[in-house]
N, C-alpha and C. Protein backbone atom coordinates (compact mmCIF):
# COMPACT_ATOMS: atom_id res chain seq x y z
N UNK A 1 -6.69 -5.18 11.51
CA UNK A 1 -6.05 -3.87 11.49
C UNK A 1 -7.12 -2.78 11.57
N UNK A 2 -6.69 -1.65 12.09
CA UNK A 2 -7.55 -0.49 12.18
C UNK A 2 -6.67 0.75 12.03
N UNK A 3 -7.12 1.71 11.23
CA UNK A 3 -6.38 2.95 11.05
C UNK A 3 -6.44 3.75 12.34
N UNK A 4 -5.28 4.02 12.93
CA UNK A 4 -5.23 4.73 14.19
C UNK A 4 -5.09 6.23 14.04
N UNK A 5 -4.17 6.65 13.16
CA UNK A 5 -3.97 8.08 12.94
C UNK A 5 -3.20 8.29 11.65
N UNK A 6 -3.32 9.48 11.15
CA UNK A 6 -2.55 9.94 10.00
C UNK A 6 -1.70 11.10 10.50
N UNK A 7 -0.41 11.09 10.17
CA UNK A 7 0.49 12.15 10.62
C UNK A 7 0.98 12.94 9.41
N UNK A 8 0.78 14.24 9.44
CA UNK A 8 1.29 15.13 8.41
C UNK A 8 2.50 15.85 8.97
N UNK A 9 3.53 15.99 8.16
CA UNK A 9 4.76 16.67 8.57
C UNK A 9 4.67 18.15 8.20
N UNK A 10 4.82 19.00 9.20
CA UNK A 10 4.62 20.44 9.03
C UNK A 10 5.76 21.22 9.68
N UNK A 11 5.99 22.45 9.23
CA UNK A 11 7.04 23.26 9.85
C UNK A 11 6.72 23.68 11.29
N UNK A 12 5.43 23.95 11.58
CA UNK A 12 5.05 24.51 12.87
C UNK A 12 3.77 23.82 13.36
N UNK A 13 3.91 22.90 14.28
CA UNK A 13 2.77 22.13 14.77
C UNK A 13 1.75 23.01 15.51
N UNK A 14 2.15 23.85 16.49
CA UNK A 14 1.15 24.67 17.18
C UNK A 14 0.36 25.59 16.22
N UNK A 15 1.04 26.21 15.27
CA UNK A 15 0.35 27.08 14.32
C UNK A 15 -0.62 26.27 13.45
N UNK A 16 -0.24 25.05 13.10
CA UNK A 16 -1.13 24.21 12.29
C UNK A 16 -2.36 23.82 13.09
N UNK A 17 -2.19 23.45 14.35
CA UNK A 17 -3.34 23.12 15.18
C UNK A 17 -4.27 24.32 15.32
N UNK A 18 -3.71 25.50 15.54
CA UNK A 18 -4.53 26.71 15.65
C UNK A 18 -5.29 26.98 14.36
N UNK A 19 -4.62 26.77 13.21
CA UNK A 19 -5.29 26.96 11.93
C UNK A 19 -6.46 25.99 11.78
N UNK A 20 -6.27 24.73 12.07
CA UNK A 20 -7.33 23.73 11.92
C UNK A 20 -8.50 24.01 12.86
N UNK A 21 -8.20 24.55 14.04
CA UNK A 21 -9.28 24.95 14.94
C UNK A 21 -10.09 26.09 14.33
N UNK A 22 -9.40 27.12 13.82
CA UNK A 22 -10.09 28.28 13.26
C UNK A 22 -10.77 27.96 11.93
N UNK A 23 -10.11 27.22 11.08
CA UNK A 23 -10.63 26.97 9.73
C UNK A 23 -11.71 25.91 9.68
N UNK A 24 -11.60 24.89 10.52
CA UNK A 24 -12.50 23.75 10.39
C UNK A 24 -13.25 23.40 11.68
N UNK A 25 -13.01 24.16 12.75
CA UNK A 25 -13.73 23.92 13.99
C UNK A 25 -13.31 22.68 14.74
N UNK A 26 -12.14 22.14 14.42
CA UNK A 26 -11.64 20.96 15.12
C UNK A 26 -10.95 21.39 16.43
N UNK A 27 -10.85 20.48 17.36
CA UNK A 27 -10.28 20.77 18.68
C UNK A 27 -8.96 20.02 18.85
N UNK A 28 -8.00 20.68 19.44
CA UNK A 28 -6.74 20.02 19.75
C UNK A 28 -6.96 19.00 20.85
N UNK A 29 -6.56 17.76 20.57
CA UNK A 29 -6.64 16.67 21.54
C UNK A 29 -5.38 16.60 22.39
N UNK A 30 -4.24 16.88 21.73
CA UNK A 30 -2.96 16.72 22.41
C UNK A 30 -1.90 17.56 21.70
N UNK A 31 -1.06 18.24 22.47
CA UNK A 31 0.12 18.92 21.95
C UNK A 31 1.26 18.62 22.91
N UNK A 32 2.30 17.97 22.41
CA UNK A 32 3.45 17.65 23.25
C UNK A 32 4.12 18.95 23.68
N UNK A 33 4.68 18.94 24.89
CA UNK A 33 5.31 20.15 25.44
C UNK A 33 6.43 20.69 24.55
N UNK A 34 7.04 19.86 23.73
CA UNK A 34 8.10 20.31 22.82
C UNK A 34 7.54 21.11 21.66
N UNK A 35 6.23 20.95 21.39
CA UNK A 35 5.62 21.59 20.24
C UNK A 35 5.87 20.84 18.94
N UNK A 36 6.51 19.68 19.01
CA UNK A 36 6.87 18.94 17.81
C UNK A 36 5.84 17.89 17.38
N UNK A 37 4.82 17.67 18.19
CA UNK A 37 3.80 16.68 17.83
C UNK A 37 2.47 17.09 18.44
N UNK A 38 1.40 16.96 17.66
CA UNK A 38 0.07 17.26 18.16
C UNK A 38 -0.98 16.49 17.41
N UNK A 39 -2.15 16.37 18.03
CA UNK A 39 -3.28 15.67 17.42
C UNK A 39 -4.54 16.50 17.55
N UNK A 40 -5.43 16.31 16.59
CA UNK A 40 -6.75 16.93 16.62
C UNK A 40 -7.78 15.89 17.01
N UNK A 41 -8.85 16.34 17.62
CA UNK A 41 -9.98 15.48 17.96
C UNK A 41 -10.80 15.29 16.68
N UNK A 42 -10.68 14.13 16.08
CA UNK A 42 -11.36 13.86 14.81
C UNK A 42 -12.11 12.53 14.82
N UNK A 43 -12.47 12.04 15.99
CA UNK A 43 -13.16 10.76 16.07
C UNK A 43 -12.19 9.64 16.37
N UNK A 44 -12.51 8.45 15.89
CA UNK A 44 -11.70 7.28 16.23
C UNK A 44 -10.34 7.27 15.54
N UNK A 45 -10.20 7.99 14.45
CA UNK A 45 -8.91 8.11 13.76
C UNK A 45 -8.42 9.53 13.89
N UNK A 46 -7.29 9.71 14.54
CA UNK A 46 -6.77 11.05 14.80
C UNK A 46 -6.02 11.60 13.60
N UNK A 47 -6.17 12.90 13.38
CA UNK A 47 -5.35 13.63 12.43
C UNK A 47 -4.25 14.27 13.27
N UNK A 48 -2.99 13.90 12.99
CA UNK A 48 -1.86 14.34 13.80
C UNK A 48 -0.86 15.09 12.94
N UNK A 49 0.00 15.86 13.62
CA UNK A 49 1.03 16.64 12.94
C UNK A 49 2.34 16.47 13.68
N UNK A 50 3.41 16.33 12.93
CA UNK A 50 4.74 16.23 13.49
C UNK A 50 5.63 17.25 12.79
N UNK A 51 6.52 17.85 13.53
CA UNK A 51 7.36 18.90 12.96
C UNK A 51 8.40 18.32 12.01
N UNK A 52 8.75 19.12 11.01
CA UNK A 52 9.84 18.75 10.10
C UNK A 52 11.11 18.48 10.91
N UNK A 53 11.35 19.31 11.91
CA UNK A 53 12.55 19.17 12.74
C UNK A 53 12.62 17.80 13.40
N UNK A 54 11.52 17.36 14.00
CA UNK A 54 11.50 16.05 14.65
C UNK A 54 11.70 14.94 13.63
N UNK A 55 11.07 15.06 12.48
CA UNK A 55 11.21 14.02 11.46
C UNK A 55 12.65 13.95 10.95
N UNK A 56 13.29 15.09 10.83
CA UNK A 56 14.70 15.11 10.42
C UNK A 56 15.58 14.44 11.47
N UNK A 57 15.27 14.68 12.74
CA UNK A 57 16.01 14.03 13.83
C UNK A 57 15.84 12.51 13.79
N UNK A 58 14.71 12.05 13.27
CA UNK A 58 14.42 10.62 13.18
C UNK A 58 14.91 10.02 11.87
N UNK A 59 15.65 10.83 11.08
CA UNK A 59 16.24 10.32 9.85
C UNK A 59 15.35 10.37 8.63
N UNK A 60 14.23 11.07 8.72
CA UNK A 60 13.34 11.21 7.58
C UNK A 60 13.66 12.51 6.86
N UNK A 61 13.21 12.63 5.64
CA UNK A 61 13.45 13.81 4.83
C UNK A 61 12.11 14.41 4.38
N UNK A 62 11.41 15.09 5.30
CA UNK A 62 10.08 15.61 4.95
C UNK A 62 10.16 16.69 3.88
N UNK A 63 9.17 16.70 3.03
CA UNK A 63 9.07 17.68 1.95
C UNK A 63 7.81 18.52 2.13
N UNK A 64 7.82 19.71 1.60
CA UNK A 64 6.65 20.58 1.65
C UNK A 64 5.56 20.02 0.74
N UNK A 65 4.31 20.15 1.19
CA UNK A 65 3.17 19.73 0.37
C UNK A 65 3.00 20.68 -0.80
N UNK A 66 2.47 20.18 -1.90
CA UNK A 66 2.20 20.98 -3.09
C UNK A 66 0.73 20.82 -3.47
N UNK A 67 -0.11 21.81 -3.15
CA UNK A 67 -1.54 21.66 -3.42
C UNK A 67 -1.87 21.52 -4.91
N UNK A 68 -0.99 22.04 -5.77
CA UNK A 68 -1.22 21.93 -7.21
C UNK A 68 -0.87 20.53 -7.72
N UNK A 69 -0.12 19.77 -6.94
CA UNK A 69 0.28 18.41 -7.32
C UNK A 69 0.24 17.52 -6.07
N UNK A 70 -0.96 17.33 -5.49
CA UNK A 70 -1.05 16.58 -4.24
C UNK A 70 -0.86 15.08 -4.46
N UNK A 71 -0.39 14.42 -3.41
CA UNK A 71 -0.29 12.96 -3.46
C UNK A 71 -1.38 12.32 -2.59
N UNK A 72 -2.16 13.14 -1.89
CA UNK A 72 -3.30 12.66 -1.09
C UNK A 72 -4.14 13.88 -0.71
N UNK A 73 -5.27 13.63 -0.07
CA UNK A 73 -6.10 14.72 0.45
C UNK A 73 -6.68 14.31 1.79
N UNK A 74 -7.04 15.30 2.56
CA UNK A 74 -7.78 15.11 3.80
C UNK A 74 -9.22 15.43 3.46
N UNK A 75 -10.16 14.58 3.83
CA UNK A 75 -11.58 14.85 3.58
C UNK A 75 -12.27 15.10 4.91
N UNK A 76 -12.89 16.26 5.03
CA UNK A 76 -13.65 16.62 6.22
C UNK A 76 -15.12 16.72 5.83
N UNK A 77 -15.96 15.93 6.46
CA UNK A 77 -17.39 15.88 6.11
C UNK A 77 -18.17 16.90 6.92
N UNK A 78 -19.12 17.53 6.26
CA UNK A 78 -19.97 18.54 6.86
C UNK A 78 -21.29 18.58 6.10
N UNK A 79 -22.39 18.88 6.77
CA UNK A 79 -23.65 19.01 6.05
C UNK A 79 -23.76 20.32 5.27
N UNK A 80 -22.87 21.31 5.55
CA UNK A 80 -22.94 22.63 4.92
C UNK A 80 -21.57 23.01 4.33
N UNK A 81 -21.32 22.53 3.13
CA UNK A 81 -20.03 22.79 2.48
C UNK A 81 -19.81 24.28 2.21
N UNK A 82 -20.81 25.03 1.70
CA UNK A 82 -20.55 26.46 1.47
C UNK A 82 -20.13 27.20 2.74
N UNK A 83 -20.77 26.93 3.86
CA UNK A 83 -20.40 27.59 5.11
C UNK A 83 -19.01 27.15 5.56
N UNK A 84 -18.70 25.87 5.40
CA UNK A 84 -17.37 25.37 5.78
C UNK A 84 -16.29 26.01 4.92
N UNK A 85 -16.57 26.17 3.63
CA UNK A 85 -15.61 26.81 2.73
C UNK A 85 -15.39 28.26 3.14
N UNK A 86 -16.45 28.98 3.44
CA UNK A 86 -16.33 30.38 3.86
C UNK A 86 -15.49 30.50 5.12
N UNK A 87 -15.73 29.62 6.09
CA UNK A 87 -14.97 29.65 7.34
C UNK A 87 -13.49 29.36 7.09
N UNK A 88 -13.21 28.35 6.26
CA UNK A 88 -11.82 27.98 5.97
C UNK A 88 -11.09 29.13 5.29
N UNK A 89 -11.72 29.77 4.33
CA UNK A 89 -11.09 30.88 3.61
C UNK A 89 -10.84 32.06 4.55
N UNK A 90 -11.79 32.33 5.45
CA UNK A 90 -11.62 33.42 6.41
C UNK A 90 -10.45 33.17 7.35
N UNK A 91 -10.13 31.89 7.58
CA UNK A 91 -9.03 31.53 8.48
C UNK A 91 -7.68 31.47 7.75
N UNK A 92 -7.69 31.67 6.44
CA UNK A 92 -6.43 31.69 5.71
C UNK A 92 -6.18 30.54 4.77
N UNK A 93 -7.17 29.67 4.58
CA UNK A 93 -7.03 28.59 3.61
C UNK A 93 -7.01 29.17 2.20
N UNK A 94 -6.34 28.49 1.30
CA UNK A 94 -6.25 28.92 -0.09
C UNK A 94 -7.32 28.17 -0.90
N UNK A 95 -8.17 28.90 -1.64
CA UNK A 95 -9.19 28.21 -2.44
C UNK A 95 -8.56 27.40 -3.57
N UNK A 96 -9.03 26.18 -3.73
CA UNK A 96 -8.51 25.30 -4.79
C UNK A 96 -9.59 24.88 -5.77
N UNK A 97 -10.82 24.71 -5.29
CA UNK A 97 -11.95 24.33 -6.15
C UNK A 97 -13.23 24.80 -5.47
N UNK A 98 -14.10 25.49 -6.20
CA UNK A 98 -15.32 26.01 -5.58
C UNK A 98 -16.32 24.90 -5.27
N UNK A 99 -17.38 25.28 -4.57
CA UNK A 99 -18.45 24.35 -4.24
C UNK A 99 -19.05 23.78 -5.53
N UNK A 100 -19.21 22.48 -5.53
CA UNK A 100 -19.73 21.79 -6.71
C UNK A 100 -20.51 20.56 -6.26
N UNK A 101 -21.64 20.29 -6.93
CA UNK A 101 -22.40 19.07 -6.67
C UNK A 101 -21.95 18.03 -7.69
N UNK A 102 -21.51 16.90 -7.17
CA UNK A 102 -20.98 15.84 -8.02
C UNK A 102 -22.12 14.99 -8.59
N UNK A 103 -21.87 14.27 -9.68
CA UNK A 103 -22.93 13.46 -10.30
C UNK A 103 -23.56 12.44 -9.34
N UNK A 104 -22.83 12.00 -8.32
CA UNK A 104 -23.37 11.03 -7.37
C UNK A 104 -24.10 11.69 -6.22
N UNK A 105 -24.23 13.05 -6.27
CA UNK A 105 -25.03 13.78 -5.30
C UNK A 105 -24.27 14.42 -4.16
N UNK A 106 -23.00 14.13 -4.03
CA UNK A 106 -22.20 14.70 -2.96
C UNK A 106 -21.78 16.12 -3.32
N UNK A 107 -21.83 17.03 -2.34
CA UNK A 107 -21.35 18.40 -2.52
C UNK A 107 -19.92 18.47 -2.00
N UNK A 108 -19.04 19.10 -2.80
CA UNK A 108 -17.62 19.18 -2.44
C UNK A 108 -17.06 20.57 -2.69
N UNK A 109 -15.94 20.86 -2.08
CA UNK A 109 -15.10 22.02 -2.37
C UNK A 109 -13.71 21.65 -1.87
N UNK A 110 -12.68 22.33 -2.40
CA UNK A 110 -11.31 22.05 -1.98
C UNK A 110 -10.60 23.34 -1.59
N UNK A 111 -9.77 23.22 -0.54
CA UNK A 111 -8.88 24.29 -0.13
C UNK A 111 -7.51 23.68 0.15
N UNK A 112 -6.50 24.53 0.23
CA UNK A 112 -5.19 24.12 0.71
C UNK A 112 -5.02 24.74 2.09
N UNK A 113 -4.50 23.95 3.02
CA UNK A 113 -4.26 24.48 4.36
C UNK A 113 -3.01 25.36 4.36
N UNK A 114 -2.61 25.87 5.52
CA UNK A 114 -1.48 26.79 5.57
C UNK A 114 -0.15 26.15 5.23
N UNK A 115 -0.14 24.81 5.19
CA UNK A 115 1.08 24.07 4.84
C UNK A 115 1.06 23.55 3.41
N UNK A 116 -0.02 23.79 2.69
CA UNK A 116 -0.14 23.33 1.31
C UNK A 116 -0.83 21.98 1.16
N UNK A 117 -1.34 21.39 2.25
CA UNK A 117 -2.05 20.12 2.14
C UNK A 117 -3.45 20.36 1.59
N UNK A 118 -3.87 19.50 0.68
CA UNK A 118 -5.19 19.60 0.07
C UNK A 118 -6.25 19.07 1.02
N UNK A 119 -7.30 19.87 1.24
CA UNK A 119 -8.39 19.49 2.13
C UNK A 119 -9.69 19.54 1.34
N UNK A 120 -10.38 18.40 1.30
CA UNK A 120 -11.71 18.35 0.68
C UNK A 120 -12.74 18.60 1.75
N UNK A 121 -13.64 19.50 1.48
CA UNK A 121 -14.81 19.73 2.32
C UNK A 121 -15.97 19.06 1.58
N UNK A 122 -16.67 18.17 2.22
CA UNK A 122 -17.69 17.39 1.50
C UNK A 122 -18.84 17.00 2.39
N UNK A 123 -19.99 16.81 1.77
CA UNK A 123 -21.11 16.23 2.47
C UNK A 123 -20.86 14.75 2.63
N UNK A 124 -21.40 14.14 3.68
CA UNK A 124 -21.22 12.70 3.85
C UNK A 124 -21.82 11.93 2.67
N UNK A 125 -21.22 10.79 2.38
CA UNK A 125 -21.78 9.91 1.34
C UNK A 125 -23.05 9.28 1.90
N UNK A 126 -24.07 9.23 1.06
CA UNK A 126 -25.36 8.65 1.50
C UNK A 126 -25.24 7.15 1.63
């Protein structure tokens, strides 16, 4: 097995892709003409988004993310966490945890994206 992609359910796929481009410097890999599904260029495992509307049509019951009570996080690695945090906040991300060096040496910070999903900005693990 190999992890192919992770799909987050969002109200507005094009707006989410635009936010991730502005906040984190990621590039849109694909956006379906319907606007209901899109992917970001994130390496071998794609970060994808599907609209609440499409998920409802498929019989799912998507719920809004709650950054204060997350059930998962997205981790984006960068050598410069403070600069990444500044860029994300300037693009409209909500600050959740300031830059901090962890006991194991990794630098981290947390933001919530425009949909309420928790995003960790972190240095790569050594």
